[in-house]
PDB file of N, CA and C in Angstrom:
ATOM      1  N   UNK A   1      35.712  15.504 -79.041  1.00  0.00           N
ATOM      2  CA  UNK A   1      34.533  15.013 -78.327  1.00  0.00           C
ATOM      3  C   UNK A   1      34.798  13.654 -77.703  1.00  0.00           C
ATOM      4  N   UNK A   2      34.226  13.448 -76.551  1.00  0.00           N
ATOM      5  CA  UNK A   2      34.382  12.178 -75.846  1.00  0.00           C
ATOM      6  C   UNK A   2      33.472  11.133 -76.467  1.00  0.00           C
ATOM      7  N   UNK A   3      34.033   9.978 -76.711  1.00  0.00           N
ATOM      8  CA  UNK A   3      33.261   8.851 -77.234  1.00  0.00           C
ATOM      9  C   UNK A   3      33.182   7.821 -76.122  1.00  0.00           C
ATOM     10  N   UNK A   4      31.978   7.479 -75.716  1.00  0.00           N
ATOM     11  CA  UNK A   4      31.788   6.567 -74.589  1.00  0.00           C
ATOM     12  C   UNK A   4      32.457   5.220 -74.808  1.00  0.00           C
ATOM     13  N   UNK A   5      32.554   4.775 -76.040  1.00  0.00           N
ATOM     14  CA  UNK A   5      33.119   3.458 -76.325  1.00  0.00           C
ATOM     15  C   UNK A   5      34.630   3.500 -76.555  1.00  0.00           C
ATOM     16  N   UNK A   6      35.244   4.659 -76.346  1.00  0.00           N
ATOM     17  CA  UNK A   6      36.684   4.750 -76.598  1.00  0.00           C
ATOM     18  C   UNK A   6      37.454   3.925 -75.571  1.00  0.00           C
ATOM     19  N   UNK A   7      38.665   3.570 -75.929  1.00  0.00           N
ATOM     20  CA  UNK A   7      39.528   2.811 -75.027  1.00  0.00           C
ATOM     21  C   UNK A   7      40.284   3.817 -74.160  1.00  0.00           C
ATOM     22  N   UNK A   8      40.029   3.804 -72.886  1.00  0.00           N
ATOM     23  CA  UNK A   8      40.709   4.727 -71.980  1.00  0.00           C
ATOM     24  C   UNK A   8      41.799   3.953 -71.250  1.00  0.00           C
ATOM     25  N   UNK A   9      43.014   4.458 -71.325  1.00  0.00           N
ATOM     26  CA  UNK A   9      44.141   3.789 -70.697  1.00  0.00           C
ATOM     27  C   UNK A   9      44.392   4.329 -69.291  1.00  0.00           C
ATOM     28  N   UNK A  10      44.244   5.630 -69.138  1.00  0.00           N
ATOM     29  CA  UNK A  10      44.485   6.266 -67.842  1.00  0.00           C
ATOM     30  C   UNK A  10      43.841   7.650 -67.860  1.00  0.00           C
ATOM     31  N   UNK A  11      44.027   8.390 -66.794  1.00  0.00           N
ATOM     32  CA  UNK A  11      43.516   9.762 -66.753  1.00  0.00           C
ATOM     33  C   UNK A  11      44.193  10.639 -67.799  1.00  0.00           C
ATOM     34  N   UNK A  12      45.380  10.245 -68.234  1.00  0.00           N
ATOM     35  CA  UNK A  12      46.152  11.052 -69.175  1.00  0.00           C
ATOM     36  C   UNK A  12      46.021  10.591 -70.618  1.00  0.00           C
ATOM     37  N   UNK A  13      45.648   9.335 -70.823  1.00  0.00           N
ATOM     38  CA  UNK A  13      45.501   8.792 -72.179  1.00  0.00           C
ATOM     39  C   UNK A  13      44.042   8.402 -72.362  1.00  0.00           C
ATOM     40  N   UNK A  14      43.320   9.258 -73.086  1.00  0.00           N
ATOM     41  CA  UNK A  14      41.887   9.050 -73.249  1.00  0.00           C
ATOM     42  C   UNK A  14      41.560   8.014 -74.311  1.00  0.00           C
ATOM     43  N   UNK A  15      42.383   7.907 -75.334  1.00  0.00           N
ATOM     44  CA  UNK A  15      42.103   6.961 -76.410  1.00  0.00           C
ATOM     45  C   UNK A  15      43.405   6.373 -76.932  1.00  0.00           C
ATOM     46  N   UNK A  16      43.382   5.093 -77.209  1.00  0.00           N
ATOM     47  CA  UNK A  16      44.523   4.453 -77.853  1.00  0.00           C
ATOM     48  C   UNK A  16      44.005   3.353 -78.767  1.00  0.00           C
ATOM     49  N   UNK A  17      44.830   2.973 -79.693  1.00  0.00           N
ATOM     50  CA  UNK A  17      44.505   1.874 -80.594  1.00  0.00           C
ATOM     51  C   UNK A  17      45.629   0.861 -80.520  1.00  0.00           C
ATOM     52  N   UNK A  18      45.292  -0.417 -80.367  1.00  0.00           N
ATOM     53  CA  UNK A  18      46.356  -1.428 -80.382  1.00  0.00           C
ATOM     54  C   UNK A  18      47.077  -1.391 -81.727  1.00  0.00           C
ATOM     55  N   UNK A  19      48.372  -1.529 -81.684  1.00  0.00           N
ATOM     56  CA  UNK A  19      49.177  -1.494 -82.900  1.00  0.00           C
ATOM     57  C   UNK A  19      49.315  -2.899 -83.454  1.00  0.00           C
ATOM     58  N   UNK A  20      48.998  -3.054 -84.719  1.00  0.00           N
ATOM     59  CA  UNK A  20      49.131  -4.348 -85.362  1.00  0.00           C
ATOM     60  C   UNK A  20      50.145  -4.229 -86.487  1.00  0.00           C
ATOM     61  N   UNK A  21      51.165  -5.052 -86.420  1.00  0.00           N
ATOM     62  CA  UNK A  21      52.224  -5.075 -87.427  1.00  0.00           C
ATOM     63  C   UNK A  21      52.843  -6.464 -87.396  1.00  0.00           C
ATOM     64  N   UNK A  22      53.661  -6.770 -88.364  1.00  0.00           N
ATOM     65  CA  UNK A  22      54.304  -8.072 -88.451  1.00  0.00           C
ATOM     66  C   UNK A  22      55.515  -8.087 -87.519  1.00  0.00           C
ATOM     67  N   UNK A  23      55.311  -8.522 -86.298  1.00  0.00           N
ATOM     68  CA  UNK A  23      56.384  -8.475 -85.305  1.00  0.00           C
ATOM     69  C   UNK A  23      57.536  -9.410 -85.662  1.00  0.00           C
ATOM     70  N   UNK A  24      57.252 -10.513 -86.348  1.00  0.00           N
ATOM     71  CA  UNK A  24      58.340 -11.418 -86.753  1.00  0.00           C
ATOM     72  C   UNK A  24      59.270 -10.735 -87.754  1.00  0.00           C
ATOM     73  N   UNK A  25      58.689 -10.014 -88.701  1.00  0.00           N
ATOM     74  CA  UNK A  25      59.505  -9.303 -89.694  1.00  0.00           C
ATOM     75  C   UNK A  25      60.336  -8.208 -89.024  1.00  0.00           C
ATOM     76  N   UNK A  26      59.741  -7.490 -88.088  1.00  0.00           N
ATOM     77  CA  UNK A  26      60.471  -6.434 -87.379  1.00  0.00           C
ATOM     78  C   UNK A  26      61.596  -7.051 -86.547  1.00  0.00           C
ATOM     79  N   UNK A  27      61.307  -8.167 -85.886  1.00  0.00           N
ATOM     80  CA  UNK A  27      62.343  -8.836 -85.092  1.00  0.00           C
ATOM     81  C   UNK A  27      63.503  -9.292 -85.980  1.00  0.00           C
ATOM     82  N   UNK A  28      63.190  -9.839 -87.147  1.00  0.00           N
ATOM     83  CA  UNK A  28      64.235 -10.280 -88.084  1.00  0.00           C
ATOM     84  C   UNK A  28      65.077  -9.089 -88.549  1.00  0.00           C
ATOM     85  N   UNK A  29      64.431  -7.965 -88.848  1.00  0.00           N
ATOM     86  CA  UNK A  29      65.172  -6.753 -89.241  1.00  0.00           C
ATOM     87  C   UNK A  29      66.068  -6.275 -88.099  1.00  0.00           C
ATOM     88  N   UNK A  30      65.511  -6.296 -86.888  1.00  0.00           N
ATOM     89  CA  UNK A  30      66.268  -5.863 -85.712  1.00  0.00           C
ATOM     90  C   UNK A  30      67.510  -6.748 -85.535  1.00  0.00           C
ATOM     91  N   UNK A  31      67.344  -8.057 -85.709  1.00  0.00           N
ATOM     92  CA  UNK A  31      68.476  -8.982 -85.569  1.00  0.00           C
ATOM     93  C   UNK A  31      69.550  -8.678 -86.613  1.00  0.00           C
ATOM     94  N   UNK A  32      69.144  -8.385 -87.849  1.00  0.00           N
ATOM     95  CA  UNK A  32      70.110  -8.024 -88.894  1.00  0.00           C
ATOM     96  C   UNK A  32      70.818  -6.715 -88.551  1.00  0.00           C
ATOM     97  N   UNK A  33      70.062  -5.752 -88.083  1.00  0.00           N
ATOM     98  CA  UNK A  33      70.628  -4.454 -87.711  1.00  0.00           C
ATOM     99  C   UNK A  33      71.637  -4.625 -86.582  1.00  0.00           C
ATOM    100  N   UNK A  34      71.293  -5.471 -85.638  1.00  0.00           N
ATOM    101  CA  UNK A  34      72.150  -5.715 -84.483  1.00  0.00           C
ATOM    102  C   UNK A  34      73.494  -6.327 -84.885  1.00  0.00           C
ATOM    103  N   UNK A  35      73.468  -7.212 -85.878  1.00  0.00           N
ATOM    104  CA  UNK A  35      74.687  -7.904 -86.321  1.00  0.00           C
ATOM    105  C   UNK A  35      75.512  -7.088 -87.305  1.00  0.00           C
ATOM    106  N   UNK A  36      74.900  -6.106 -87.922  1.00  0.00           N
ATOM    107  CA  UNK A  36      75.534  -5.383 -89.018  1.00  0.00           C
ATOM    108  C   UNK A  36      76.529  -4.336 -88.536  1.00  0.00           C
ATOM    109  N   UNK A  37      77.618  -4.213 -89.278  1.00  0.00           N
ATOM    110  CA  UNK A  37      78.595  -3.164 -88.972  1.00  0.00           C
ATOM    111  C   UNK A  37      78.145  -1.808 -89.489  1.00  0.00           C
ATOM    112  N   UNK A  38      77.396  -1.804 -90.593  1.00  0.00           N
ATOM    113  CA  UNK A  38      76.947  -0.528 -91.161  1.00  0.00           C
ATOM    114  C   UNK A  38      75.509  -0.190 -90.775  1.00  0.00           C
ATOM    115  N   UNK A  39      74.903  -0.962 -89.889  1.00  0.00           N
ATOM    116  CA  UNK A  39      73.584  -0.695 -89.303  1.00  0.00           C
ATOM    117  C   UNK A  39      72.534  -0.218 -90.309  1.00  0.00           C
ATOM    118  N   UNK A  40      71.943  -1.141 -91.063  1.00  0.00           N
ATOM    119  CA  UNK A  40      70.882  -0.747 -91.994  1.00  0.00           C
ATOM    120  C   UNK A  40      69.650  -0.223 -91.248  1.00  0.00           C
ATOM    121  N   UNK A  41      68.800   0.469 -91.978  1.00  0.00           N
ATOM    122  CA  UNK A  41      67.568   0.994 -91.383  1.00  0.00           C
ATOM    123  C   UNK A  41      66.642  -0.142 -90.973  1.00  0.00           C
ATOM    124  N   UNK A  42      65.882   0.104 -89.923  1.00  0.00           N
ATOM    125  CA  UNK A  42      64.798  -0.785 -89.521  1.00  0.00           C
ATOM    126  C   UNK A  42      63.527  -0.097 -89.988  1.00  0.00           C
ATOM    127  N   UNK A  43      62.681  -0.813 -90.686  1.00  0.00           N
ATOM    128  CA  UNK A  43      61.451  -0.204 -91.209  1.00  0.00           C
ATOM    129  C   UNK A  43      60.238  -0.892 -90.618  1.00  0.00           C
ATOM    130  N   UNK A  44      59.295  -0.076 -90.183  1.00  0.00           N
ATOM    131  CA  UNK A  44      58.044  -0.577 -89.619  1.00  0.00           C
ATOM    132  C   UNK A  44      56.904   0.176 -90.287  1.00  0.00           C
ATOM    133  N   UNK A  45      55.942  -0.571 -90.797  1.00  0.00           N
ATOM    134  CA  UNK A  45      54.752   0.035 -91.407  1.00  0.00           C
ATOM    135  C   UNK A  45      53.530  -0.431 -90.621  1.00  0.00           C
ATOM    136  N   UNK A  46      52.637   0.497 -90.340  1.00  0.00           N
ATOM    137  CA  UNK A  46      51.412   0.140 -89.628  1.00  0.00           C
ATOM    138  C   UNK A  46      50.324   1.163 -89.935  1.00  0.00           C
ATOM    139  N   UNK A  47      49.107   0.810 -89.579  1.00  0.00           N
ATOM    140  CA  UNK A  47      47.948   1.671 -89.783  1.00  0.00           C
ATOM    141  C   UNK A  47      47.381   2.020 -88.409  1.00  0.00           C
ATOM    142  N   UNK A  48      47.150   3.303 -88.161  1.00  0.00           N
ATOM    143  CA  UNK A  48      46.563   3.755 -86.900  1.00  0.00           C
ATOM    144  C   UNK A  48      45.924   5.119 -87.116  1.00  0.00           C
ATOM    145  N   UNK A  49      44.870   5.391 -86.376  1.00  0.00           N
ATOM    146  CA  UNK A  49      44.180   6.685 -86.430  1.00  0.00           C
ATOM    147  C   UNK A  49      43.805   7.065 -87.869  1.00  0.00           C
ATOM    148  N   UNK A  50      43.343   6.067 -88.599  1.00  0.00           N
ATOM    149  CA  UNK A  50      42.914   6.248 -89.997  1.00  0.00           C
ATOM    150  C   UNK A  50      44.037   6.743 -90.904  1.00  0.00           C
ATOM    151  N   UNK A  51      45.268   6.404 -90.569  1.00  0.00           N
ATOM    152  CA  UNK A  51      46.424   6.792 -91.386  1.00  0.00           C
ATOM    153  C   UNK A  51      47.377   5.622 -91.523  1.00  0.00           C
ATOM    154  N   UNK A  52      48.175   5.672 -92.545  1.00  0.00           N
ATOM    155  CA  UNK A  52      49.235   4.686 -92.768  1.00  0.00           C
ATOM    156  C   UNK A  52      50.558   5.333 -92.363  1.00  0.00           C
ATOM    157  N   UNK A  53      51.320   4.665 -91.528  1.00  0.00           N
ATOM    158  CA  UNK A  53      52.607   5.164 -91.069  1.00  0.00           C
ATOM    159  C   UNK A  53      53.714   4.241 -91.560  1.00  0.00           C
ATOM    160  N   UNK A  54      54.764   4.821 -92.085  1.00  0.00           N
ATOM    161  CA  UNK A  54      55.954   4.085 -92.494  1.00  0.00           C
ATOM    162  C   UNK A  54      57.140   4.709 -91.770  1.00  0.00           C
ATOM    163  N   UNK A  55      57.682   3.974 -90.813  1.00  0.00           N
ATOM    164  CA  UNK A  55      58.796   4.484 -90.025  1.00  0.00           C
ATOM    165  C   UNK A  55      60.116   3.951 -90.562  1.00  0.00           C
ATOM    166  N   UNK A  56      61.113   4.793 -90.575  1.00  0.00           N
ATOM    167  CA  UNK A  56      62.484   4.399 -90.902  1.00  0.00           C
ATOM    168  C   UNK A  56      63.316   4.724 -89.660  1.00  0.00           C
ATOM    169  N   UNK A  57      63.851   3.696 -89.029  1.00  0.00           N
ATOM    170  CA  UNK A  57      64.575   3.857 -87.776  1.00  0.00           C
ATOM    171  C   UNK A  57      66.031   3.436 -87.936  1.00  0.00           C
ATOM    172  N   UNK A  58      66.910   4.125 -87.214  1.00  0.00           N
ATOM    173  CA  UNK A  58      68.333   3.804 -87.210  1.00  0.00           C
ATOM    174  C   UNK A  58      68.804   3.706 -85.762  1.00  0.00           C
ATOM    175  N   UNK A  59      69.715   2.789 -85.513  1.00  0.00           N
ATOM    176  CA  UNK A  59      70.255   2.675 -84.157  1.00  0.00           C
ATOM    177  C   UNK A  59      70.872   4.005 -83.753  1.00  0.00           C
ATOM    178  N   UNK A  60      70.687   4.356 -82.490  1.00  0.00           N
ATOM    179  CA  UNK A  60      71.171   5.653 -82.014  1.00  0.00           C
ATOM    180  C   UNK A  60      71.668   5.534 -80.582  1.00  0.00           C
ATOM    181  N   UNK A  61      72.942   5.706 -80.410  1.00  0.00           N
ATOM    182  CA  UNK A  61      73.528   5.662 -79.068  1.00  0.00           C
ATOM    183  C   UNK A  61      74.001   7.035 -78.617  1.00  0.00           C
ATOM    184  N   UNK A  62      73.549   8.078 -79.278  1.00  0.00           N
ATOM    185  CA  UNK A  62      74.029   9.429 -78.970  1.00  0.00           C
ATOM    186  C   UNK A  62      73.664   9.888 -77.558  1.00  0.00           C
ATOM    187  N   UNK A  63      72.716   9.240 -76.918  1.00  0.00           N
ATOM    188  CA  UNK A  63      72.331   9.623 -75.559  1.00  0.00           C
ATOM    189  C   UNK A  63      73.308   9.081 -74.514  1.00  0.00           C
ATOM    190  N   UNK A  64      74.226   8.205 -74.949  1.00  0.00           N
ATOM    191  CA  UNK A  64      75.153   7.570 -74.018  1.00  0.00           C
ATOM    192  C   UNK A  64      76.585   8.019 -74.280  1.00  0.00           C
ATOM    193  N   UNK A  65      77.340   8.215 -73.226  1.00  0.00           N
ATOM    194  CA  UNK A  65      78.763   8.524 -73.384  1.00  0.00           C
ATOM    195  C   UNK A  65      79.498   7.241 -73.765  1.00  0.00           C
ATOM    196  N   UNK A  66      80.716   7.390 -74.272  1.00  0.00           N
ATOM    197  CA  UNK A  66      81.521   6.226 -74.688  1.00  0.00           C
ATOM    198  C   UNK A  66      81.822   5.303 -73.512  1.00  0.00           C
ATOM    199  N   UNK A  67      81.923   5.861 -72.304  1.00  0.00           N
ATOM    200  CA  UNK A  67      82.249   5.044 -71.133  1.00  0.00           C
ATOM    201  C   UNK A  67      81.023   4.798 -70.240  1.00  0.00           C
ATOM    202  N   UNK A  68      79.843   4.779 -70.846  1.00  0.00           N
ATOM    203  CA  UNK A  68      78.583   4.537 -70.141  1.00  0.00           C
ATOM    204  C   UNK A  68      78.633   3.203 -69.393  1.00  0.00           C
ATOM    205  N   UNK A  69      78.225   3.209 -68.125  1.00  0.00           N
ATOM    206  CA  UNK A  69      78.179   1.994 -67.309  1.00  0.00           C
ATOM    207  C   UNK A  69      76.931   2.030 -66.447  1.00  0.00           C
ATOM    208  N   UNK A  70      76.422   0.859 -66.141  1.00  0.00           N
ATOM    209  CA  UNK A  70      75.337   0.736 -65.173  1.00  0.00           C
ATOM    210  C   UNK A  70      75.908  -0.019 -63.982  1.00  0.00           C
ATOM    211  N   UNK A  71      75.872   0.645 -62.848  1.00  0.00           N
ATOM    212  CA  UNK A  71      76.456   0.075 -61.639  1.00  0.00           C
ATOM    213  C   UNK A  71      75.352  -0.289 -60.662  1.00  0.00           C
ATOM    214  N   UNK A  72      75.417  -1.513 -60.141  1.00  0.00           N
ATOM    215  CA  UNK A  72      74.444  -1.979 -59.165  1.00  0.00           C
ATOM    216  C   UNK A  72      74.715  -1.393 -57.792  1.00  0.00           C
ATOM    217  N   UNK A  73      73.817  -1.643 -56.855  1.00  0.00           N
ATOM    218  CA  UNK A  73      73.936  -1.071 -55.511  1.00  0.00           C
ATOM    219  C   UNK A  73      75.163  -1.585 -54.758  1.00  0.00           C
ATOM    220  N   UNK A  74      75.692  -2.742 -55.171  1.00  0.00           N
ATOM    221  CA  UNK A  74      76.896  -3.282 -54.535  1.00  0.00           C
ATOM    222  C   UNK A  74      78.156  -2.978 -55.335  1.00  0.00           C
ATOM    223  N   UNK A  75      78.051  -2.093 -56.316  1.00  0.00           N
ATOM    224  CA  UNK A  75      79.206  -1.701 -57.102  1.00  0.00           C
ATOM    225  C   UNK A  75      79.476  -2.565 -58.316  1.00  0.00           C
ATOM    226  N   UNK A  76      78.675  -3.604 -58.513  1.00  0.00           N
ATOM    227  CA  UNK A  76      78.888  -4.477 -59.671  1.00  0.00           C
ATOM    228  C   UNK A  76      78.450  -3.771 -60.951  1.00  0.00           C
ATOM    229  N   UNK A  77      79.193  -4.007 -62.021  1.00  0.00           N
ATOM    230  CA  UNK A  77      78.893  -3.410 -63.319  1.00  0.00           C
ATOM    231  C   UNK A  77      77.999  -4.370 -64.097  1.00  0.00           C
ATOM    232  N   UNK A  78      76.912  -3.853 -64.652  1.00  0.00           N
ATOM    233  CA  UNK A  78      75.961  -4.659 -65.425  1.00  0.00           C
ATOM    234  C   UNK A  78      76.128  -4.388 -66.912  1.00  0.00           C
ATOM    235  N   UNK A  79      76.039  -5.447 -67.699  1.00  0.00           N
ATOM    236  CA  UNK A  79      76.009  -5.285 -69.150  1.00  0.00           C
ATOM    237  C   UNK A  79      74.685  -4.644 -69.538  1.00  0.00           C
ATOM    238  N   UNK A  80      74.713  -3.770 -70.516  1.00  0.00           N
ATOM    239  CA  UNK A  80      73.505  -3.092 -70.970  1.00  0.00           C
ATOM    240  C   UNK A  80      73.342  -3.332 -72.463  1.00  0.00           C
ATOM    241  N   UNK A  81      72.178  -3.823 -72.841  1.00  0.00           N
ATOM    242  CA  UNK A  81      71.876  -4.038 -74.258  1.00  0.00           C
ATOM    243  C   UNK A  81      71.256  -2.758 -74.807  1.00  0.00           C
ATOM    244  N   UNK A  82      72.004  -2.043 -75.620  1.00  0.00           N
ATOM    245  CA  UNK A  82      71.504  -0.798 -76.209  1.00  0.00           C
ATOM    246  C   UNK A  82      71.055  -0.996 -77.653  1.00  0.00           C
ATOM    247  N   UNK A  83      70.981  -2.241 -78.086  1.00  0.00           N
ATOM    248  CA  UNK A  83      70.655  -2.516 -79.491  1.00  0.00           C
ATOM    249  C   UNK A  83      69.212  -2.173 -79.850  1.00  0.00           C
ATOM    250  N   UNK A  84      68.382  -1.931 -78.866  1.00  0.00           N
ATOM    251  CA  UNK A  84      66.971  -1.635 -79.129  1.00  0.00           C
ATOM    252  C   UNK A  84      66.667  -0.130 -79.111  1.00  0.00           C
ATOM    253  N   UNK A  85      67.692   0.694 -79.076  1.00  0.00           N
ATOM    254  CA  UNK A  85      67.487   2.141 -79.028  1.00  0.00           C
ATOM    255  C   UNK A  85      67.663   2.712 -80.434  1.00  0.00           C
ATOM    256  N   UNK A  86      66.592   3.328 -80.919  1.00  0.00           N
ATOM    257  CA  UNK A  86      66.558   3.836 -82.291  1.00  0.00           C
ATOM    258  C   UNK A  86      66.090   5.279 -82.308  1.00  0.00           C
ATOM    259  N   UNK A  87      66.360   5.936 -83.410  1.00  0.00           N
ATOM    260  CA  UNK A  87      65.745   7.228 -83.721  1.00  0.00           C
ATOM    261  C   UNK A  87      65.441   7.192 -85.202  1.00  0.00           C
ATOM    262  N   UNK A  88      64.487   7.974 -85.639  1.00  0.00           N
ATOM    263  CA  UNK A  88      64.158   7.930 -87.055  1.00  0.00           C
ATOM    264  C   UNK A  88      63.097   8.931 -87.428  1.00  0.00           C
ATOM    265  N   UNK A  89      62.422   8.637 -88.517  1.00  0.00           N
ATOM    266  CA  UNK A  89      61.400   9.560 -88.999  1.00  0.00           C
ATOM    267  C   UNK A  89      60.356   8.802 -89.801  1.00  0.00           C
ATOM    268  N   UNK A  90      59.292   9.514 -90.105  1.00  0.00           N
ATOM    269  CA  UNK A  90      58.283   8.987 -91.014  1.00  0.00           C
ATOM    270  C   UNK A  90      58.849   9.102 -92.418  1.00  0.00           C
ATOM    271  N   UNK A  91      58.747   8.044 -93.186  1.00  0.00           N
ATOM    272  CA  UNK A  91      59.280   8.065 -94.541  1.00  0.00           C
ATOM    273  C   UNK A  91      58.622   9.204 -95.309  1.00  0.00           C
ATOM    274  N   UNK A  92      59.438  10.050 -95.917  1.00  0.00           N
ATOM    275  CA  UNK A  92      58.935  11.181 -96.691  1.00  0.00           C
ATOM    276  C   UNK A  92      58.691  12.437 -95.877  1.00  0.00           C
ATOM    277  N   UNK A  93      58.810  12.358 -94.549  1.00  0.00           N
ATOM    278  CA  UNK A  93      58.603  13.526 -93.688  1.00  0.00           C
ATOM    279  C   UNK A  93      59.771  13.593 -92.717  1.00  0.00           C
ATOM    280  N   UNK A  94      60.798  14.320 -93.083  1.00  0.00           N
ATOM    281  CA  UNK A  94      62.020  14.357 -92.290  1.00  0.00           C
ATOM    282  C   UNK A  94      61.858  15.185 -91.022  1.00  0.00           C
ATOM    283  N   UNK A  95      62.656  14.857 -90.050  1.00  0.00           N
ATOM    284  CA  UNK A  95      62.667  15.531 -88.744  1.00  0.00           C
ATOM    285  C   UNK A  95      61.320  15.407 -88.034  1.00  0.00           C
ATOM    286  N   UNK A  96      60.698  14.241 -88.129  1.00  0.00           N
ATOM    287  CA  UNK A  96      59.422  14.036 -87.458  1.00  0.00           C
ATOM    288  C   UNK A  96      59.589  13.383 -86.101  1.00  0.00           C
ATOM    289  N   UNK A  97      60.791  12.955 -85.746  1.00  0.00           N
ATOM    290  CA  UNK A  97      61.029  12.386 -84.417  1.00  0.00           C
ATOM    291  C   UNK A  97      61.827  13.368 -83.619  1.00  0.00           C
TER     292      UNK A  97
END
C-alpha cells in the first residue's frame, strides 16, 4: 500500500530509509583491510526496514582481469583504486549476495 508520507526517491524507488551506521568504524576497518595481505572481513551492522542486518564483506576483484587498465581518451593509463569493491553475505545467511 502507498503511504503518503513515504520517502520517494524516483519513479522506480517508492520508499527508502537513510542508513545510519558508524562510518568512522567502517572506514577504519576498510583501511585495515586495504593494508592487509590476508584481507580480513569488513563488517557492517545496521537497522533498516524493521530488521537488523549484519554484513560480512570481503574484497573481491574477480570482476577484473589481471591486466585490467583504464585508458583515457588520449591513450593515457589511469590508476584505478579497486580497494572499495567487496562481496559478501548476511551473517548467518550464506549466498545472500
